[in-house]
Amino acid sequence: MDGLPHALILDAPLMDRAPSWQRTLKASIDCVGTGVHSGRRARLAIHPAPAGHGIVFHRSDAGQTIPARFDHVVDTRLCTVLGQPGNPALRVGTVEHVMAALAGQGIDNAVVEIDGPEVPILDGSAAPLVFLLDCAGIVELAAPRSAIEILRPVRVSDGKAFAELRPDRSGRGGLEMALSIDFAAAAIGRQAFSFHLTPDGFRHELARARTFAMAAEIDQLRSAGLARGGSLDNALVVDGDTVLNPGGLRMSDEFVRHKLLDAVGDLALAGAPIHGRFVAHRSGHALNNQLLRALFADASAWRHASPAPLAAVAA
């Protein structure tokens, strides 16, 4: 526990509550997998970090670090890509699932080490990452957790798609989320899901939902240099009214749950937990990032605040 004074191993019963204290890992943990777009083998390691450090991505092959922040997002085509301004070669792609797992489990401080340009996709969900965090263990640090409190609505849109952050009216604290989708493919159609972000809720409601793609688009994606590592082992593939994966869906509304999982990861790039309500329709990585940029461009729409006491936010 060097560099982590006064750390306390997390008490399991608190996992269904919004954290009031900063968290990090108890120990480092790593895995190896394939990038869904690059098709390259990648080693991912997540290390503890002290209070106030935040989350960063460290490219071990380049010896450089990128903050996990919305203003370092350089691409949102099918995934969220972080980069370093002025250095287009320094990028880390498909960060949304690891960011979702960290945010979903309330981890504020970590070094995410990667030896290439893309985070491994694993099984296409955040469940393997939550398992890794469980294996590493989570500790609470002797430092209060700061939050971003939404003071007035901020909205971005693109045609019928929109994403909005609103003040919290529930009294529960933390982030309330509601998202709907509408796809022409009959296997997906219209779906909606609402969710209150807590470590326990994320684990049981969102973590297992996998990314998905349309069968008709796969050849086009690969010709554009994308989806080279995609397969039925790490993504749901839809062809009209049919899900091509032999095992089918993990839950009937897995598609909208995965879109909400992505939103958790994208919103985690705010740099601190958001206290408010996220409402969106057909939103993706681009709109999620535009929403954070619009929020922080308006100083009257937010403020730094401490979370409500644990007793006030019990699920």
Protein backbone atom coordinates (compact mmCIF):
# COMPACT_ATOMS: atom_id res chain seq x y z
CA MET A 1 0.00 0.00 0.00
CA ASP A 2 2.94 2.36 -0.58
CA GLY A 3 1.76 5.87 -1.41
CA LEU A 4 -1.77 5.17 -0.14
CA PRO A 5 -1.80 6.26 3.52
CA HIS A 6 -4.86 5.71 5.67
CA ALA A 7 -6.48 3.43 3.09
CA LEU A 8 -9.33 1.25 4.27
CA ILE A 9 -10.49 -1.96 2.59
CA LEU A 10 -13.98 -1.36 1.27
CA ASP A 11 -16.80 -2.79 3.34
CA ALA A 12 -18.96 -4.88 1.01
CA PRO A 13 -22.35 -3.62 2.36
CA LEU A 14 -21.48 -0.11 1.15
CA MET A 15 -21.38 -1.28 -2.46
CA ASP A 16 -25.04 -0.35 -3.03
CA ARG A 17 -24.47 3.26 -1.98
CA ALA A 18 -22.94 6.27 -3.70
CA PRO A 19 -19.38 6.59 -2.29
CA SER A 20 -18.50 9.60 -0.13
CA TRP A 21 -14.76 8.92 -0.01
CA GLN A 22 -12.26 8.59 -2.82
CA ARG A 23 -11.41 5.06 -3.90
CA THR A 24 -8.60 3.22 -5.62
CA LEU A 25 -7.45 -0.36 -6.12
CA LYS A 26 -5.88 -2.35 -3.31
CA ALA A 27 -3.36 -3.93 -5.73
CA SER A 28 -2.46 -3.90 -9.42
CA ILE A 29 -4.22 -6.25 -11.80
CA ASP A 30 -3.71 -7.06 -15.50
CA CYS A 31 -5.08 -9.01 -18.44
CA VAL A 32 -4.38 -9.65 -22.12
CA GLY A 33 -6.84 -9.41 -24.99
CA THR A 34 -7.50 -8.15 -28.50
CA GLY A 35 -8.50 -4.68 -29.66
CA VAL A 36 -11.91 -4.87 -31.35
CA HIS A 37 -11.00 -2.34 -34.03
CA SER A 38 -7.23 -2.77 -34.44
CA GLY A 39 -7.24 -6.56 -34.06
CA ARG A 40 -3.96 -6.17 -32.14
CA ARG A 41 -3.06 -8.08 -29.00
CA ALA A 42 -2.89 -5.74 -26.01
CA ARG A 43 -1.93 -6.00 -22.35
CA LEU A 44 -4.01 -3.93 -19.95
CA ALA A 45 -2.94 -3.27 -16.36
CA ILE A 46 -4.73 -1.14 -13.77
CA HIS A 47 -2.68 0.22 -10.87
CA PRO A 48 -3.58 1.98 -7.62
CA ALA A 49 -3.09 5.74 -7.39
CA PRO A 50 -3.20 8.16 -4.43
CA ALA A 51 -6.05 10.50 -3.52
CA GLY A 52 -6.43 13.42 -5.90
CA HIS A 53 -4.57 11.67 -8.72
CA GLY A 54 -7.57 10.95 -10.90
CA ILE A 55 -7.57 8.41 -13.73
CA VAL A 56 -4.96 8.44 -16.49
CA PHE A 57 -4.04 6.14 -19.37
CA HIS A 58 -0.34 5.36 -19.66
CA ARG A 59 1.00 4.08 -22.98
CA SER A 60 3.86 1.90 -21.75
CA ASP A 61 5.15 1.40 -25.30
CA ALA A 62 5.45 5.18 -25.79
CA GLY A 63 6.27 6.17 -22.21
CA GLN A 64 3.56 8.85 -22.20
CA THR A 65 0.36 9.49 -20.26
CA ILE A 66 -3.05 10.84 -21.29
CA PRO A 67 -5.55 12.18 -18.73
CA ALA A 68 -8.94 10.47 -18.82
CA ARG A 69 -10.81 13.69 -19.53
CA PHE A 70 -13.46 14.82 -22.00
CA ASP A 71 -11.19 17.50 -23.44
CA HIS A 72 -8.68 14.80 -24.50
CA VAL A 73 -11.24 12.93 -26.63
CA VAL A 74 -10.01 13.04 -30.23
CA ASP A 75 -12.33 10.57 -31.98
CA THR A 76 -15.80 9.15 -31.35
CA ARG A 77 -16.34 6.87 -34.37
CA LEU A 78 -17.83 3.68 -32.86
CA CYS A 79 -15.72 4.12 -29.72
CA THR A 80 -14.18 6.83 -27.55
CA VAL A 81 -10.54 7.62 -28.28
CA LEU A 82 -8.28 9.66 -26.01
CA GLY A 83 -5.29 11.54 -27.38
CA GLN A 84 -2.66 14.10 -26.57
CA PRO A 85 -3.04 17.49 -28.29
CA GLY A 86 -0.23 18.08 -30.77
CA ASN A 87 0.69 14.39 -30.92
CA PRO A 88 -1.73 12.54 -33.23
CA ALA A 89 0.27 9.32 -32.92
CA LEU A 90 -0.40 9.12 -29.17
CA ARG A 91 -3.89 7.67 -28.80
CA VAL A 92 -5.76 5.11 -26.71
CA GLY A 93 -8.96 3.78 -28.26
CA THR A 94 -12.07 2.02 -26.90
CA VAL A 95 -11.63 3.43 -23.40
CA GLU A 96 -15.36 3.54 -22.61
CA HIS A 97 -15.71 0.06 -21.08
CA VAL A 98 -12.79 0.38 -18.68
CA MET A 99 -13.95 3.89 -17.75
CA ALA A 100 -17.45 2.52 -17.16
CA ALA A 101 -16.12 -0.26 -14.92
CA LEU A 102 -14.02 2.19 -12.90
CA ALA A 103 -16.85 4.71 -12.58
CA GLY A 104 -19.40 1.98 -11.97
CA GLN A 105 -17.38 0.67 -9.04
CA GLY A 106 -16.73 4.17 -7.74
CA ILE A 107 -12.97 4.23 -8.39
CA ASP A 108 -11.60 7.77 -8.58
CA ASN A 109 -7.85 7.20 -8.80
CA ALA A 110 -6.02 4.73 -11.04
CA VAL A 111 -3.31 4.37 -13.66
CA VAL A 112 -4.56 2.38 -16.64
CA GLU A 113 -1.49 1.03 -18.42
CA ILE A 114 -1.76 -0.19 -22.00
CA ASP A 115 1.03 -1.35 -24.34
CA GLY A 116 -0.63 -0.23 -27.57
CA PRO A 117 -3.24 2.04 -29.11
CA GLU A 118 -6.41 0.21 -28.02
CA VAL A 119 -7.88 -1.28 -24.86
CA PRO A 120 -8.71 -5.01 -25.28
CA ILE A 121 -12.40 -5.66 -25.89
CA LEU A 122 -12.50 -8.89 -23.79
CA ASP A 123 -16.09 -10.22 -24.12
CA GLY A 124 -17.55 -6.90 -25.30
CA SER A 125 -18.97 -5.93 -21.91
CA ALA A 126 -17.61 -4.47 -18.68
CA ALA A 127 -18.13 -7.68 -16.68
CA PRO A 128 -14.55 -9.00 -17.10
CA LEU A 129 -13.23 -5.61 -15.99
CA VAL A 130 -15.45 -5.62 -12.90
CA PHE A 131 -14.11 -9.11 -12.16
CA LEU A 132 -10.54 -7.79 -12.43
CA LEU A 133 -11.36 -4.96 -10.03
CA ASP A 134 -12.87 -7.47 -7.61
CA CYS A 135 -9.66 -9.52 -7.77
CA ALA A 136 -7.53 -6.44 -7.13
CA GLY A 137 -9.73 -5.23 -4.30
CA ILE A 138 -10.96 -1.70 -3.66
CA VAL A 139 -9.90 0.63 -0.86
CA GLU A 140 -11.31 3.90 0.41
CA LEU A 141 -8.84 6.73 0.92
CA ALA A 142 -8.82 9.36 3.64
CA ALA A 143 -9.97 12.07 1.26
CA PRO A 144 -13.52 13.23 0.54
CA ARG A 145 -14.94 12.67 -2.89
CA SER A 146 -15.68 15.80 -4.90
CA ALA A 147 -18.60 15.75 -7.33
CA ILE A 148 -19.91 17.82 -10.21
CA GLU A 149 -23.40 19.00 -9.31
CA ILE A 150 -25.68 19.92 -12.21
CA LEU A 151 -27.39 23.26 -11.52
CA ARG A 152 -29.47 23.73 -14.67
CA PRO A 153 -30.26 21.69 -17.78
CA VAL A 154 -27.67 21.38 -20.56
CA ARG A 155 -28.68 19.71 -23.82
CA VAL A 156 -27.06 18.77 -27.12
CA SER A 157 -28.79 17.22 -30.11
CA ASP A 158 -28.27 15.82 -33.60
CA GLY A 159 -31.54 15.43 -35.48
CA LYS A 160 -33.84 13.27 -33.36
CA ALA A 161 -30.96 12.18 -31.10
CA PHE A 162 -30.24 14.15 -27.96
CA ALA A 163 -28.43 13.99 -24.63
CA GLU A 164 -29.16 16.13 -21.61
CA LEU A 165 -27.94 16.65 -18.06
CA ARG A 166 -30.46 17.98 -15.54
CA PRO A 167 -30.36 18.83 -11.83
CA ASP A 168 -31.12 15.93 -9.48
CA ARG A 169 -34.67 16.11 -8.09
CA SER A 170 -34.76 12.61 -6.59
CA GLY A 171 -32.95 13.33 -3.35
CA ARG A 172 -30.96 10.10 -3.74
CA GLY A 173 -27.69 11.72 -4.76
CA GLY A 174 -25.39 10.38 -7.44
CA LEU A 175 -26.37 10.04 -11.09
CA GLU A 176 -29.82 9.05 -12.33
CA MET A 177 -29.79 7.82 -15.93
CA ALA A 178 -32.49 7.20 -18.53
CA LEU A 179 -31.81 6.30 -22.17
CA SER A 180 -33.86 5.09 -25.11
CA ILE A 181 -32.85 3.70 -28.50
CA ASP A 182 -34.65 3.06 -31.78
CA PHE A 183 -33.10 0.80 -34.44
CA ALA A 184 -34.57 -0.38 -37.73
CA ALA A 185 -33.36 -3.93 -37.05
CA ALA A 186 -36.32 -5.87 -35.66
CA ALA A 187 -34.06 -7.73 -33.20
CA ILE A 188 -33.43 -4.40 -31.46
CA GLY A 189 -36.31 -2.03 -32.24
CA ARG A 190 -37.25 0.45 -29.53
CA GLN A 191 -35.86 -0.07 -26.04
CA ALA A 192 -35.56 2.12 -22.94
CA PHE A 193 -33.90 1.69 -19.57
CA SER A 194 -33.60 3.79 -16.41
CA PHE A 195 -30.94 3.32 -13.79
CA HIS A 196 -29.42 4.84 -10.64
CA LEU A 197 -25.63 4.58 -10.78
CA THR A 198 -24.22 2.77 -7.74
CA PRO A 199 -21.48 0.11 -7.57
CA ASP A 200 -23.99 -2.66 -6.88
CA GLY A 201 -26.44 -1.39 -9.48
CA PHE A 202 -23.79 -1.14 -12.18
CA ARG A 203 -22.57 -4.66 -11.44
CA HIS A 204 -26.02 -6.25 -11.70
CA GLU A 205 -27.84 -4.06 -14.22
CA LEU A 206 -25.27 -2.95 -16.82
CA ALA A 207 -21.88 -4.65 -16.57
CA ARG A 208 -22.78 -7.82 -18.56
CA ALA A 209 -24.37 -6.00 -21.52
CA ARG A 210 -22.24 -6.44 -24.68
CA THR A 211 -21.44 -4.15 -27.56
CA PHE A 212 -23.26 -4.86 -30.82
CA ALA A 213 -23.04 -4.41 -34.58
CA MET A 214 -25.17 -4.92 -37.69
CA ALA A 215 -24.08 -7.82 -39.88
CA ALA A 216 -24.61 -5.76 -43.05
CA GLU A 217 -22.12 -3.12 -41.85
CA ILE A 218 -19.22 -5.38 -40.86
CA ASP A 219 -17.50 -5.55 -44.25
CA GLN A 220 -17.74 -1.77 -44.59
CA LEU A 221 -16.27 -1.28 -41.13
CA ARG A 222 -13.36 -3.60 -41.84
CA SER A 223 -12.59 -1.87 -45.14
CA ALA A 224 -12.39 1.37 -43.13
CA GLY A 225 -9.85 -0.22 -40.77
CA LEU A 226 -12.37 -0.87 -37.99
CA ALA A 227 -13.80 -4.01 -36.34
CA ARG A 228 -10.73 -6.10 -37.33
CA GLY A 229 -10.76 -7.85 -33.97
CA GLY A 230 -14.53 -8.23 -33.73
CA SER A 231 -16.19 -11.66 -33.51
CA LEU A 232 -19.20 -13.40 -32.04
CA ASP A 233 -17.07 -13.92 -28.92
CA ASN A 234 -16.86 -10.20 -28.17
CA ALA A 235 -19.90 -8.57 -29.79
CA LEU A 236 -23.56 -9.16 -30.50
CA VAL A 237 -24.18 -9.30 -34.26
CA VAL A 238 -27.67 -8.54 -35.54
CA ASP A 239 -29.12 -9.43 -38.94
CA GLY A 240 -32.65 -8.08 -39.24
CA ASP A 241 -34.75 -9.93 -36.68
CA THR A 242 -31.99 -12.39 -35.79
CA VAL A 243 -29.19 -12.28 -33.22
CA LEU A 244 -26.42 -14.37 -34.78
CA ASN A 245 -24.61 -15.24 -31.54
CA PRO A 246 -25.23 -18.92 -30.69
CA GLY A 247 -25.95 -18.14 -27.06
CA GLY A 248 -28.40 -15.35 -27.84
CA LEU A 249 -28.91 -12.39 -25.51
CA ARG A 250 -27.93 -12.16 -21.87
CA MET A 251 -31.05 -10.05 -21.21
CA SER A 252 -33.92 -9.08 -23.50
CA ASP A 253 -32.94 -5.38 -23.50
CA GLU A 254 -29.17 -5.96 -23.66
CA PHE A 255 -28.79 -3.40 -26.47
CA VAL A 256 -30.08 -0.38 -24.56
CA ARG A 257 -28.27 -1.49 -21.43
CA HIS A 258 -25.00 -1.52 -23.36
CA LYS A 259 -25.68 1.97 -24.71
CA LEU A 260 -26.19 3.10 -21.11
CA LEU A 261 -22.96 1.33 -20.10
CA ASP A 262 -21.16 3.32 -22.80
CA ALA A 263 -22.71 6.52 -21.45
CA VAL A 264 -21.43 5.73 -17.95
CA GLY A 265 -17.92 5.43 -19.38
CA ASP A 266 -18.17 8.54 -21.53
CA LEU A 267 -19.57 10.67 -18.69
CA ALA A 268 -16.80 9.43 -16.39
CA LEU A 269 -14.47 11.57 -18.51
CA ALA A 270 -15.91 14.58 -16.66
CA GLY A 271 -13.07 13.97 -14.19
CA ALA A 272 -15.35 13.56 -11.17
CA PRO A 273 -18.69 11.87 -10.46
CA ILE A 274 -21.71 13.75 -11.77
CA HIS A 275 -24.62 14.44 -9.44
CA GLY A 276 -27.68 14.99 -11.54
CA ARG A 277 -29.85 13.25 -14.11
CA PHE A 278 -28.76 12.09 -17.57
CA VAL A 279 -31.57 11.74 -20.11
CA ALA A 280 -30.89 10.73 -23.71
CA HIS A 281 -32.41 9.29 -26.87
CA ARG A 282 -30.27 7.56 -29.49
CA SER A 283 -27.16 9.09 -27.95
CA GLY A 284 -23.69 7.71 -28.66
CA HIS A 285 -20.07 8.55 -27.97
CA ALA A 286 -20.11 11.77 -30.02
CA LEU A 287 -23.16 13.29 -28.31
CA ASN A 288 -22.00 12.13 -24.89
CA ASN A 289 -18.72 13.97 -25.37
CA GLN A 290 -20.43 17.03 -26.83
CA LEU A 291 -22.64 17.10 -23.73
CA LEU A 292 -19.65 17.30 -21.39
CA ARG A 293 -18.05 20.00 -23.53
CA ALA A 294 -21.28 22.02 -23.44
CA LEU A 295 -21.59 21.54 -19.68
CA PHE A 296 -18.11 22.78 -18.86
CA ALA A 297 -18.41 25.66 -21.32
CA ASP A 298 -21.20 27.06 -19.14
CA ALA A 299 -19.94 27.89 -15.65
CA SER A 300 -23.50 28.61 -14.49
CA ALA A 301 -24.63 25.03 -15.21
CA TRP A 302 -22.50 23.21 -12.63
CA ARG A 303 -20.44 23.48 -9.47
CA HIS A 304 -18.08 21.35 -7.42
CA ALA A 305 -19.79 19.79 -4.42
CA SER A 306 -19.38 17.03 -1.89
CA PRO A 307 -21.71 14.02 -2.16
CA ALA A 308 -24.57 13.57 0.24
CA PRO A 309 -23.84 11.59 3.43
CA LEU A 310 -24.14 7.83 3.00
CA ALA A 311 -27.26 7.71 5.16
CA ALA A 312 -29.04 9.96 2.66
CA VAL A 313 -28.31 7.86 -0.42
CA ALA A 314 -28.96 4.29 0.66
CA ALA A 315 -30.48 2.42 -2.23
